[in-house]
Amino acid sequence: MFATELGGGALLRPLEPWRAEEFLAHMERGREHVGRFIGLADAVTDLESSRAYLRSYADKAAADTGRLCGIWLDDKLVGGVLLRTMDLALGVAEAGCWLEPAATGRGLVTRAAGVLIDWAVEERGIHRVEWWAAAENTASVAVARRLGMSRDGVLREYYPHRGRRLDMEIWSVLAPEWRERRRSA
């Protein structure tokens, strides 16, 4: 399958069901860090749930309604980016990410998300890419900024997570903005 070089020994490639054991091991390493703001760490707790999660994205890929790619650093799965939703009729997709602690601070998510957004805009005709992040998740908000997204607003106490309700910021970039930013980069 394809792999895209991200630089510094990092690769972006599809994260498929046959990688369930590797995905589970990755979640075990990063569970607390990943789970601070998103439910992925609570959803993938054993081999069966790992396979089911990856299978759900394989089904989304087959239906053209989402995508899931892993980030490998020196041949070790350390995170990922995804199109959680992708509605081709509306031309809207929601991108997201996660990363285990050992891989933070290297720009991996920004580069990987850029590859995925390029694909969504140029190959699938997506007009608007959204990025939802817990307001407290300053790292994710910083990625949205680095991607050239605009903050559309805040949904106050929108997301129930681990006994709290988190404010969610919604960021977005439109296809013409994305293309202009890429041209001027």
N, C-alpha and C. Protein backbone atom coordinates (compact mmCIF):
# COMPACT_ATOMS: atom_id res chain seq x y z
N MET A 1 0.84 -1.17 0.00
CA MET A 1 0.00 0.00 0.00
C MET A 1 0.89 1.24 0.00
N PHE A 2 0.29 2.38 -0.23
CA PHE A 2 1.07 3.60 -0.35
C PHE A 2 1.61 4.06 1.01
N ALA A 3 2.66 4.82 0.94
CA ALA A 3 3.21 5.50 2.12
C ALA A 3 3.72 6.85 1.65
N THR A 4 3.52 7.86 2.46
CA THR A 4 3.98 9.20 2.15
C THR A 4 5.03 9.61 3.18
N GLU A 5 6.18 10.02 2.71
CA GLU A 5 7.25 10.49 3.60
C GLU A 5 6.83 11.81 4.23
N LEU A 6 7.00 11.90 5.53
CA LEU A 6 6.71 13.14 6.26
C LEU A 6 7.99 13.84 6.69
N GLY A 7 9.13 13.21 6.45
CA GLY A 7 10.41 13.77 6.86
C GLY A 7 10.81 13.27 8.24
N GLY A 8 12.11 13.29 8.51
CA GLY A 8 12.62 12.90 9.83
C GLY A 8 12.35 11.46 10.21
N GLY A 9 12.28 10.57 9.22
CA GLY A 9 12.03 9.16 9.52
C GLY A 9 10.57 8.82 9.72
N ALA A 10 9.65 9.72 9.39
CA ALA A 10 8.22 9.50 9.60
C ALA A 10 7.52 9.18 8.28
N LEU A 11 6.54 8.29 8.36
CA LEU A 11 5.72 7.88 7.23
C LEU A 11 4.25 8.00 7.59
N LEU A 12 3.45 8.33 6.60
CA LEU A 12 1.99 8.32 6.72
C LEU A 12 1.48 7.24 5.78
N ARG A 13 0.64 6.32 6.30
CA ARG A 13 0.07 5.29 5.45
C ARG A 13 -1.26 4.83 6.07
N PRO A 14 -2.08 4.13 5.27
CA PRO A 14 -3.36 3.66 5.79
C PRO A 14 -3.18 2.81 7.04
N LEU A 15 -4.09 2.97 7.96
CA LEU A 15 -4.12 2.17 9.19
C LEU A 15 -5.29 1.20 9.03
N GLU A 16 -4.95 -0.04 8.69
CA GLU A 16 -5.94 -1.02 8.29
C GLU A 16 -6.15 -2.09 9.35
N PRO A 17 -7.28 -2.84 9.27
CA PRO A 17 -7.61 -3.83 10.30
C PRO A 17 -6.52 -4.85 10.59
N TRP A 18 -5.71 -5.22 9.62
CA TRP A 18 -4.67 -6.22 9.87
C TRP A 18 -3.59 -5.69 10.79
N ARG A 19 -3.62 -4.40 11.09
CA ARG A 19 -2.65 -3.81 12.02
C ARG A 19 -3.22 -3.66 13.44
N ALA A 20 -4.26 -4.41 13.76
CA ALA A 20 -4.97 -4.25 15.04
C ALA A 20 -4.05 -4.45 16.24
N GLU A 21 -3.16 -5.42 16.21
CA GLU A 21 -2.26 -5.65 17.35
C GLU A 21 -1.31 -4.47 17.54
N GLU A 22 -0.77 -3.98 16.44
CA GLU A 22 0.13 -2.83 16.50
C GLU A 22 -0.60 -1.59 16.99
N PHE A 23 -1.84 -1.41 16.54
CA PHE A 23 -2.66 -0.28 16.95
C PHE A 23 -2.96 -0.35 18.46
N LEU A 24 -3.30 -1.54 18.94
CA LEU A 24 -3.57 -1.71 20.37
C LEU A 24 -2.32 -1.41 21.20
N ALA A 25 -1.16 -1.89 20.77
CA ALA A 25 0.09 -1.62 21.49
C ALA A 25 0.36 -0.12 21.53
N HIS A 26 0.10 0.55 20.43
CA HIS A 26 0.25 2.01 20.37
C HIS A 26 -0.69 2.69 21.36
N MET A 27 -1.94 2.24 21.41
CA MET A 27 -2.91 2.83 22.35
C MET A 27 -2.46 2.60 23.79
N GLU A 28 -1.91 1.43 24.07
CA GLU A 28 -1.43 1.15 25.43
C GLU A 28 -0.33 2.14 25.82
N ARG A 29 0.58 2.43 24.89
CA ARG A 29 1.68 3.37 25.18
C ARG A 29 1.15 4.78 25.40
N GLY A 30 0.12 5.17 24.68
CA GLY A 30 -0.32 6.56 24.72
C GLY A 30 -1.69 6.79 25.31
N ARG A 31 -2.25 5.76 25.95
CA ARG A 31 -3.65 5.82 26.39
C ARG A 31 -4.00 7.09 27.19
N GLU A 32 -3.25 7.38 28.22
CA GLU A 32 -3.61 8.54 29.06
C GLU A 32 -3.44 9.86 28.31
N HIS A 33 -2.38 9.96 27.55
CA HIS A 33 -2.14 11.19 26.79
C HIS A 33 -3.23 11.38 25.73
N VAL A 34 -3.48 10.35 24.95
CA VAL A 34 -4.48 10.42 23.88
C VAL A 34 -5.87 10.64 24.48
N GLY A 35 -6.15 9.99 25.60
CA GLY A 35 -7.49 10.03 26.18
C GLY A 35 -7.85 11.29 26.93
N ARG A 36 -6.93 12.23 27.05
CA ARG A 36 -7.26 13.46 27.78
C ARG A 36 -8.43 14.21 27.16
N PHE A 37 -8.54 14.17 25.82
CA PHE A 37 -9.55 14.99 25.15
C PHE A 37 -10.41 14.24 24.15
N ILE A 38 -10.05 13.00 23.80
CA ILE A 38 -10.84 12.27 22.80
C ILE A 38 -11.14 10.86 23.31
N GLY A 39 -12.21 10.29 22.79
CA GLY A 39 -12.69 8.99 23.24
C GLY A 39 -11.97 7.79 22.65
N LEU A 40 -11.06 8.00 21.72
CA LEU A 40 -10.36 6.88 21.07
C LEU A 40 -9.70 5.96 22.08
N ALA A 41 -9.01 6.52 23.05
CA ALA A 41 -8.29 5.70 24.03
C ALA A 41 -9.24 4.85 24.87
N ASP A 42 -10.45 5.31 25.06
CA ASP A 42 -11.43 4.55 25.83
C ASP A 42 -12.16 3.53 24.96
N ALA A 43 -12.14 3.74 23.65
CA ALA A 43 -12.83 2.83 22.72
C ALA A 43 -11.96 1.64 22.33
N VAL A 44 -10.64 1.82 22.33
CA VAL A 44 -9.72 0.76 21.91
C VAL A 44 -9.01 0.23 23.16
N THR A 45 -9.55 -0.87 23.71
CA THR A 45 -9.05 -1.37 24.99
C THR A 45 -8.53 -2.81 24.93
N ASP A 46 -8.86 -3.52 23.85
CA ASP A 46 -8.41 -4.90 23.67
C ASP A 46 -8.33 -5.18 22.18
N LEU A 47 -7.90 -6.37 21.83
CA LEU A 47 -7.69 -6.70 20.42
C LEU A 47 -9.00 -6.64 19.63
N GLU A 48 -10.07 -7.10 20.22
CA GLU A 48 -11.37 -7.08 19.52
C GLU A 48 -11.81 -5.65 19.23
N SER A 49 -11.72 -4.76 20.21
CA SER A 49 -12.13 -3.37 19.98
C SER A 49 -11.17 -2.65 19.04
N SER A 50 -9.90 -3.02 19.06
CA SER A 50 -8.94 -2.45 18.14
C SER A 50 -9.30 -2.83 16.70
N ARG A 51 -9.58 -4.11 16.49
CA ARG A 51 -9.98 -4.58 15.16
C ARG A 51 -11.28 -3.91 14.71
N ALA A 52 -12.23 -3.81 15.62
CA ALA A 52 -13.53 -3.21 15.28
C ALA A 52 -13.37 -1.75 14.88
N TYR A 53 -12.54 -1.02 15.62
CA TYR A 53 -12.32 0.39 15.29
C TYR A 53 -11.69 0.52 13.90
N LEU A 54 -10.65 -0.26 13.63
CA LEU A 54 -10.00 -0.19 12.33
C LEU A 54 -10.93 -0.67 11.22
N ARG A 55 -11.73 -1.68 11.50
CA ARG A 55 -12.70 -2.17 10.52
C ARG A 55 -13.74 -1.10 10.19
N SER A 56 -14.15 -0.32 11.21
CA SER A 56 -15.14 0.73 10.96
C SER A 56 -14.60 1.76 9.97
N TYR A 57 -13.30 2.04 10.06
CA TYR A 57 -12.71 2.98 9.10
C TYR A 57 -12.44 2.34 7.75
N ALA A 58 -12.19 1.06 7.70
CA ALA A 58 -12.09 0.37 6.42
C ALA A 58 -13.44 0.43 5.71
N ASP A 59 -14.52 0.26 6.48
CA ASP A 59 -15.87 0.37 5.92
C ASP A 59 -16.14 1.80 5.43
N LYS A 60 -15.71 2.79 6.21
CA LYS A 60 -15.88 4.19 5.78
C LYS A 60 -15.09 4.46 4.50
N ALA A 61 -13.89 3.94 4.41
CA ALA A 61 -13.09 4.12 3.19
C ALA A 61 -13.80 3.49 1.99
N ALA A 62 -14.34 2.30 2.19
CA ALA A 62 -15.04 1.62 1.11
C ALA A 62 -16.29 2.39 0.68
N ALA A 63 -16.95 3.04 1.63
CA ALA A 63 -18.15 3.83 1.34
C ALA A 63 -17.83 5.26 0.95
N ASP A 64 -16.55 5.63 1.00
CA ASP A 64 -16.08 6.99 0.68
C ASP A 64 -16.67 8.02 1.64
N THR A 65 -16.73 7.64 2.93
CA THR A 65 -17.28 8.54 3.95
C THR A 65 -16.28 8.86 5.06
N GLY A 66 -15.04 8.42 4.93
CA GLY A 66 -14.01 8.69 5.93
C GLY A 66 -12.72 8.00 5.56
N ARG A 67 -11.64 8.37 6.27
CA ARG A 67 -10.32 7.76 6.05
C ARG A 67 -9.56 7.75 7.36
N LEU A 68 -8.65 6.80 7.49
CA LEU A 68 -7.81 6.68 8.68
C LEU A 68 -6.40 6.35 8.24
N CYS A 69 -5.44 7.16 8.65
CA CYS A 69 -4.03 6.93 8.33
C CYS A 69 -3.21 6.98 9.60
N GLY A 70 -2.23 6.10 9.68
CA GLY A 70 -1.32 6.08 10.82
C GLY A 70 -0.05 6.85 10.50
N ILE A 71 0.57 7.32 11.56
CA ILE A 71 1.88 7.97 11.46
C ILE A 71 2.89 7.04 12.11
N TRP A 72 3.88 6.62 11.34
CA TRP A 72 4.96 5.78 11.85
C TRP A 72 6.22 6.61 11.93
N LEU A 73 6.91 6.51 13.04
CA LEU A 73 8.19 7.18 13.23
C LEU A 73 9.22 6.09 13.49
N ASP A 74 10.22 6.01 12.63
CA ASP A 74 11.23 4.95 12.73
C ASP A 74 10.58 3.58 12.85
N ASP A 75 9.60 3.32 11.98
CA ASP A 75 8.88 2.04 11.88
C ASP A 75 8.03 1.70 13.10
N LYS A 76 7.67 2.67 13.90
CA LYS A 76 6.82 2.45 15.07
C LYS A 76 5.59 3.35 14.96
N LEU A 77 4.40 2.76 15.05
CA LEU A 77 3.16 3.53 15.01
C LEU A 77 3.10 4.45 16.22
N VAL A 78 2.98 5.77 15.97
CA VAL A 78 3.00 6.75 17.06
C VAL A 78 1.77 7.66 17.07
N GLY A 79 0.93 7.57 16.05
CA GLY A 79 -0.25 8.43 16.01
C GLY A 79 -1.00 8.27 14.71
N GLY A 80 -1.89 9.21 14.46
CA GLY A 80 -2.65 9.14 13.23
C GLY A 80 -3.44 10.39 12.95
N VAL A 81 -3.91 10.45 11.73
CA VAL A 81 -4.83 11.49 11.29
C VAL A 81 -6.00 10.81 10.59
N LEU A 82 -7.13 11.46 10.59
CA LEU A 82 -8.30 10.85 10.01
C LEU A 82 -9.24 11.89 9.45
N LEU A 83 -10.06 11.44 8.55
CA LEU A 83 -11.26 12.17 8.17
C LEU A 83 -12.37 11.41 8.87
N ARG A 84 -12.79 11.93 10.01
CA ARG A 84 -13.79 11.26 10.83
C ARG A 84 -15.10 11.14 10.08
N THR A 85 -15.44 12.20 9.35
CA THR A 85 -16.60 12.19 8.48
C THR A 85 -16.18 12.80 7.15
N MET A 86 -16.88 12.39 6.10
CA MET A 86 -16.63 12.96 4.78
C MET A 86 -17.93 12.84 3.98
N ASP A 87 -18.55 13.96 3.71
CA ASP A 87 -19.81 13.99 2.97
C ASP A 87 -19.53 14.62 1.61
N LEU A 88 -19.41 13.80 0.59
CA LEU A 88 -19.06 14.29 -0.74
C LEU A 88 -20.17 15.16 -1.33
N ALA A 89 -21.43 14.84 -1.05
CA ALA A 89 -22.54 15.63 -1.59
C ALA A 89 -22.50 17.06 -1.04
N LEU A 90 -22.21 17.20 0.25
CA LEU A 90 -22.11 18.53 0.86
C LEU A 90 -20.74 19.16 0.64
N GLY A 91 -19.74 18.32 0.36
CA GLY A 91 -18.38 18.82 0.21
C GLY A 91 -17.75 19.20 1.53
N VAL A 92 -18.11 18.48 2.60
CA VAL A 92 -17.62 18.79 3.94
C VAL A 92 -17.00 17.54 4.56
N ALA A 93 -15.86 17.73 5.22
CA ALA A 93 -15.20 16.65 5.94
C ALA A 93 -14.71 17.19 7.28
N GLU A 94 -14.61 16.30 8.26
CA GLU A 94 -14.03 16.66 9.56
C GLU A 94 -12.74 15.89 9.73
N ALA A 95 -11.64 16.62 9.86
CA ALA A 95 -10.33 16.01 10.08
C ALA A 95 -10.02 15.98 11.57
N GLY A 96 -9.16 15.06 11.97
CA GLY A 96 -8.75 14.98 13.36
C GLY A 96 -7.42 14.27 13.48
N CYS A 97 -6.96 14.11 14.72
CA CYS A 97 -5.63 13.53 14.94
C CYS A 97 -5.50 12.98 16.35
N TRP A 98 -4.43 12.27 16.57
CA TRP A 98 -3.96 11.88 17.90
C TRP A 98 -2.49 11.53 17.78
N LEU A 99 -1.80 11.56 18.90
CA LEU A 99 -0.36 11.28 18.90
C LEU A 99 0.04 10.82 20.29
N GLU A 100 0.90 9.82 20.36
CA GLU A 100 1.40 9.40 21.68
C GLU A 100 2.49 10.37 22.13
N PRO A 101 2.75 10.47 23.43
CA PRO A 101 3.64 11.50 23.96
C PRO A 101 5.06 11.50 23.37
N ALA A 102 5.62 10.33 23.10
CA ALA A 102 7.01 10.27 22.62
C ALA A 102 7.20 10.95 21.27
N ALA A 103 6.11 11.18 20.54
CA ALA A 103 6.23 11.73 19.18
C ALA A 103 5.79 13.20 19.09
N THR A 104 5.43 13.81 20.20
CA THR A 104 4.94 15.19 20.15
C THR A 104 6.08 16.17 19.89
N GLY A 105 5.71 17.35 19.43
CA GLY A 105 6.66 18.44 19.26
C GLY A 105 7.54 18.34 18.03
N ARG A 106 7.19 17.49 17.07
CA ARG A 106 8.00 17.30 15.86
C ARG A 106 7.30 17.78 14.59
N GLY A 107 6.07 18.27 14.73
CA GLY A 107 5.31 18.71 13.55
C GLY A 107 4.70 17.58 12.74
N LEU A 108 4.68 16.37 13.29
CA LEU A 108 4.18 15.21 12.55
C LEU A 108 2.70 15.35 12.20
N VAL A 109 1.89 15.76 13.16
CA VAL A 109 0.46 15.86 12.91
C VAL A 109 0.17 16.94 11.88
N THR A 110 0.83 18.07 11.98
CA THR A 110 0.59 19.15 11.02
C THR A 110 0.92 18.68 9.60
N ARG A 111 2.06 18.02 9.43
CA ARG A 111 2.44 17.55 8.10
C ARG A 111 1.48 16.45 7.62
N ALA A 112 1.14 15.52 8.49
CA ALA A 112 0.25 14.42 8.10
C ALA A 112 -1.15 14.95 7.78
N ALA A 113 -1.66 15.85 8.59
CA ALA A 113 -2.98 16.42 8.32
C ALA A 113 -2.97 17.19 7.01
N GLY A 114 -1.88 17.86 6.71
CA GLY A 114 -1.76 18.57 5.44
C GLY A 114 -1.88 17.64 4.25
N VAL A 115 -1.24 16.48 4.34
CA VAL A 115 -1.33 15.48 3.27
C VAL A 115 -2.78 15.02 3.11
N LEU A 116 -3.45 14.74 4.22
CA LEU A 116 -4.83 14.25 4.17
C LEU A 116 -5.78 15.33 3.64
N ILE A 117 -5.59 16.56 4.07
CA ILE A 117 -6.44 17.65 3.59
C ILE A 117 -6.21 17.88 2.10
N ASP A 118 -4.95 17.85 1.66
CA ASP A 118 -4.66 17.94 0.22
C ASP A 118 -5.45 16.89 -0.56
N TRP A 119 -5.41 15.66 -0.07
CA TRP A 119 -6.12 14.57 -0.74
C TRP A 119 -7.63 14.84 -0.77
N ALA A 120 -8.19 15.26 0.37
CA ALA A 120 -9.63 15.50 0.44
C ALA A 120 -10.06 16.61 -0.52
N VAL A 121 -9.29 17.68 -0.57
CA VAL A 121 -9.62 18.82 -1.43
C VAL A 121 -9.37 18.50 -2.90
N GLU A 122 -8.19 18.01 -3.21
CA GLU A 122 -7.80 17.85 -4.61
C GLU A 122 -8.33 16.57 -5.25
N GLU A 123 -8.40 15.49 -4.49
CA GLU A 123 -8.83 14.21 -5.07
C GLU A 123 -10.32 13.95 -4.89
N ARG A 124 -10.88 14.36 -3.77
CA ARG A 124 -12.28 14.03 -3.48
C ARG A 124 -13.21 15.23 -3.62
N GLY A 125 -12.67 16.41 -3.89
CA GLY A 125 -13.52 17.58 -4.13
C GLY A 125 -14.16 18.16 -2.89
N ILE A 126 -13.56 17.94 -1.74
CA ILE A 126 -14.10 18.52 -0.51
C ILE A 126 -13.89 20.03 -0.53
N HIS A 127 -14.93 20.77 -0.20
CA HIS A 127 -14.87 22.24 -0.20
C HIS A 127 -14.51 22.81 1.17
N ARG A 128 -14.98 22.16 2.23
CA ARG A 128 -14.77 22.67 3.59
C ARG A 128 -14.24 21.53 4.46
N VAL A 129 -13.09 21.76 5.09
CA VAL A 129 -12.53 20.79 6.03
C VAL A 129 -12.61 21.41 7.41
N GLU A 130 -13.27 20.69 8.32
CA GLU A 130 -13.42 21.16 9.70
C GLU A 130 -12.42 20.44 10.60
N TRP A 131 -12.11 21.11 11.70
CA TRP A 131 -11.22 20.57 12.74
C TRP A 131 -11.89 20.90 14.07
N TRP A 132 -12.36 19.88 14.76
CA TRP A 132 -13.00 20.06 16.07
C TRP A 132 -11.96 19.72 17.14
N ALA A 133 -11.82 20.58 18.12
CA ALA A 133 -10.85 20.34 19.19
C ALA A 133 -11.41 20.85 20.51
N ALA A 134 -11.16 20.09 21.57
CA ALA A 134 -11.50 20.60 22.90
C ALA A 134 -10.74 21.91 23.12
N ALA A 135 -11.41 22.91 23.64
CA ALA A 135 -10.78 24.22 23.84
C ALA A 135 -9.52 24.10 24.69
N GLU A 136 -9.49 23.15 25.62
CA GLU A 136 -8.32 22.94 26.49
C GLU A 136 -7.17 22.24 25.77
N ASN A 137 -7.45 21.67 24.62
CA ASN A 137 -6.44 20.92 23.88
C ASN A 137 -5.61 21.90 23.04
N THR A 138 -4.72 22.59 23.69
CA THR A 138 -3.95 23.65 23.03
C THR A 138 -3.10 23.12 21.88
N ALA A 139 -2.62 21.88 21.97
CA ALA A 139 -1.82 21.31 20.89
C ALA A 139 -2.66 21.15 19.63
N SER A 140 -3.88 20.65 19.76
CA SER A 140 -4.75 20.46 18.60
C SER A 140 -5.18 21.80 18.01
N VAL A 141 -5.48 22.76 18.87
CA VAL A 141 -5.83 24.10 18.40
C VAL A 141 -4.64 24.71 17.64
N ALA A 142 -3.43 24.48 18.12
CA ALA A 142 -2.24 25.00 17.44
C ALA A 142 -2.07 24.36 16.07
N VAL A 143 -2.41 23.08 15.93
CA VAL A 143 -2.35 22.43 14.61
C VAL A 143 -3.32 23.12 13.66
N ALA A 144 -4.55 23.37 14.12
CA ALA A 144 -5.53 24.05 13.26
C ALA A 144 -4.99 25.40 12.78
N ARG A 145 -4.37 26.13 13.69
CA ARG A 145 -3.77 27.42 13.30
C ARG A 145 -2.66 27.23 12.28
N ARG A 146 -1.76 26.27 12.52
CA ARG A 146 -0.65 26.03 11.59
C ARG A 146 -1.15 25.58 10.22
N LEU A 147 -2.30 24.94 10.18
CA LEU A 147 -2.88 24.52 8.91
C LEU A 147 -3.58 25.67 8.19
N GLY A 148 -3.61 26.83 8.81
CA GLY A 148 -4.23 28.00 8.18
C GLY A 148 -5.73 28.04 8.31
N MET A 149 -6.27 27.33 9.30
CA MET A 149 -7.71 27.30 9.49
C MET A 149 -8.18 28.54 10.24
N SER A 150 -9.46 28.84 10.09
CA SER A 150 -10.10 29.94 10.81
C SER A 150 -10.98 29.36 11.90
N ARG A 151 -11.01 30.02 13.03
CA ARG A 151 -11.88 29.55 14.12
C ARG A 151 -13.30 30.04 13.85
N ASP A 152 -14.21 29.09 13.70
CA ASP A 152 -15.60 29.41 13.41
C ASP A 152 -16.39 29.71 14.68
N GLY A 153 -16.03 29.06 15.78
CA GLY A 153 -16.76 29.30 17.01
C GLY A 153 -16.49 28.23 18.05
N VAL A 154 -17.20 28.35 19.16
CA VAL A 154 -17.06 27.43 20.28
C VAL A 154 -18.44 26.89 20.64
N LEU A 155 -18.53 25.59 20.77
CA LEU A 155 -19.73 24.95 21.29
C LEU A 155 -19.49 24.71 22.78
N ARG A 156 -20.12 25.51 23.60
CA ARG A 156 -19.87 25.46 25.03
C ARG A 156 -20.42 24.18 25.64
N GLU A 157 -19.57 23.54 26.47
CA GLU A 157 -19.92 22.31 27.18
C GLU A 157 -20.64 21.31 26.27
N TYR A 158 -20.10 21.12 25.09
CA TYR A 158 -20.72 20.29 24.06
C TYR A 158 -20.41 18.80 24.23
N TYR A 159 -19.17 18.48 24.55
CA TYR A 159 -18.71 17.10 24.47
C TYR A 159 -18.54 16.48 25.85
N PRO A 160 -19.38 15.48 26.21
CA PRO A 160 -19.20 14.80 27.49
C PRO A 160 -18.02 13.82 27.39
N HIS A 161 -17.04 13.98 28.27
CA HIS A 161 -15.85 13.14 28.21
C HIS A 161 -15.31 12.90 29.61
N ARG A 162 -15.28 11.64 29.99
CA ARG A 162 -14.72 11.22 31.28
C ARG A 162 -15.26 12.04 32.46
N GLY A 163 -16.59 12.19 32.48
CA GLY A 163 -17.24 12.84 33.61
C GLY A 163 -17.26 14.36 33.56
N ARG A 164 -16.78 14.95 32.47
CA ARG A 164 -16.81 16.41 32.32
C ARG A 164 -17.46 16.75 30.99
N ARG A 165 -17.86 17.98 30.83
CA ARG A 165 -18.37 18.46 29.54
C ARG A 165 -17.35 19.47 29.02
N LEU A 166 -16.79 19.18 27.85
CA LEU A 166 -15.74 20.02 27.29
C LEU A 166 -16.30 21.00 26.26
N ASP A 167 -15.79 22.22 26.28
CA ASP A 167 -16.07 23.17 25.21
C ASP A 167 -15.33 22.68 23.97
N MET A 168 -15.97 22.76 22.82
CA MET A 168 -15.35 22.33 21.56
C MET A 168 -15.20 23.53 20.63
N GLU A 169 -13.98 23.75 20.18
CA GLU A 169 -13.73 24.78 19.17
C GLU A 169 -13.87 24.14 17.80
N ILE A 170 -14.48 24.87 16.89
CA ILE A 170 -14.60 24.41 15.51
C ILE A 170 -13.79 25.35 14.64
N TRP A 171 -12.85 24.76 13.92
CA TRP A 171 -11.98 25.47 12.98
C TRP A 171 -12.28 24.94 11.59
N SER A 172 -12.00 25.72 10.56
CA SER A 172 -12.21 25.23 9.21
C SER A 172 -11.31 25.93 8.21
N VAL A 173 -11.16 25.27 7.08
CA VAL A 173 -10.48 25.86 5.93
C VAL A 173 -11.30 25.49 4.70
N LEU A 174 -11.47 26.45 3.81
CA LEU A 174 -12.20 26.23 2.57
C LEU A 174 -11.21 25.90 1.46
N ALA A 175 -11.66 25.15 0.49
CA ALA A 175 -10.78 24.71 -0.59
C ALA A 175 -10.01 25.86 -1.25
N PRO A 176 -10.65 26.99 -1.59
CA PRO A 176 -9.87 28.08 -2.20
C PRO A 176 -8.79 28.63 -1.26
N GLU A 177 -9.09 28.70 0.03
CA GLU A 177 -8.10 29.16 1.01
C GLU A 177 -6.94 28.17 1.09
N TRP A 178 -7.28 26.89 1.12
CA TRP A 178 -6.26 25.84 1.20
C TRP A 178 -5.33 25.91 0.00
N ARG A 179 -5.92 26.01 -1.18
CA ARG A 179 -5.12 26.06 -2.40
C ARG A 179 -4.23 27.30 -2.43
N GLU A 180 -4.76 28.44 -2.02
CA GLU A 180 -3.97 29.68 -2.01
C GLU A 180 -2.81 29.55 -1.01
N ARG A 181 -3.10 29.01 0.13
CA ARG A 181 -2.05 28.83 1.15
C ARG A 181 -0.94 27.90 0.63
N ARG A 182 -1.32 26.84 -0.05
CA ARG A 182 -0.33 25.91 -0.61
C ARG A 182 0.50 26.57 -1.71
N ARG A 183 -0.15 27.39 -2.54
CA ARG A 183 0.58 28.10 -3.60
C ARG A 183 1.60 29.07 -3.05
N SER A 184 1.23 29.75 -1.96
CA SER A 184 2.12 30.78 -1.41
C SER A 184 3.15 30.23 -0.43
N ALA A 185 3.07 28.95 -0.13
CA ALA A 185 4.01 28.35 0.82
C ALA A 185 5.37 28.06 0.20
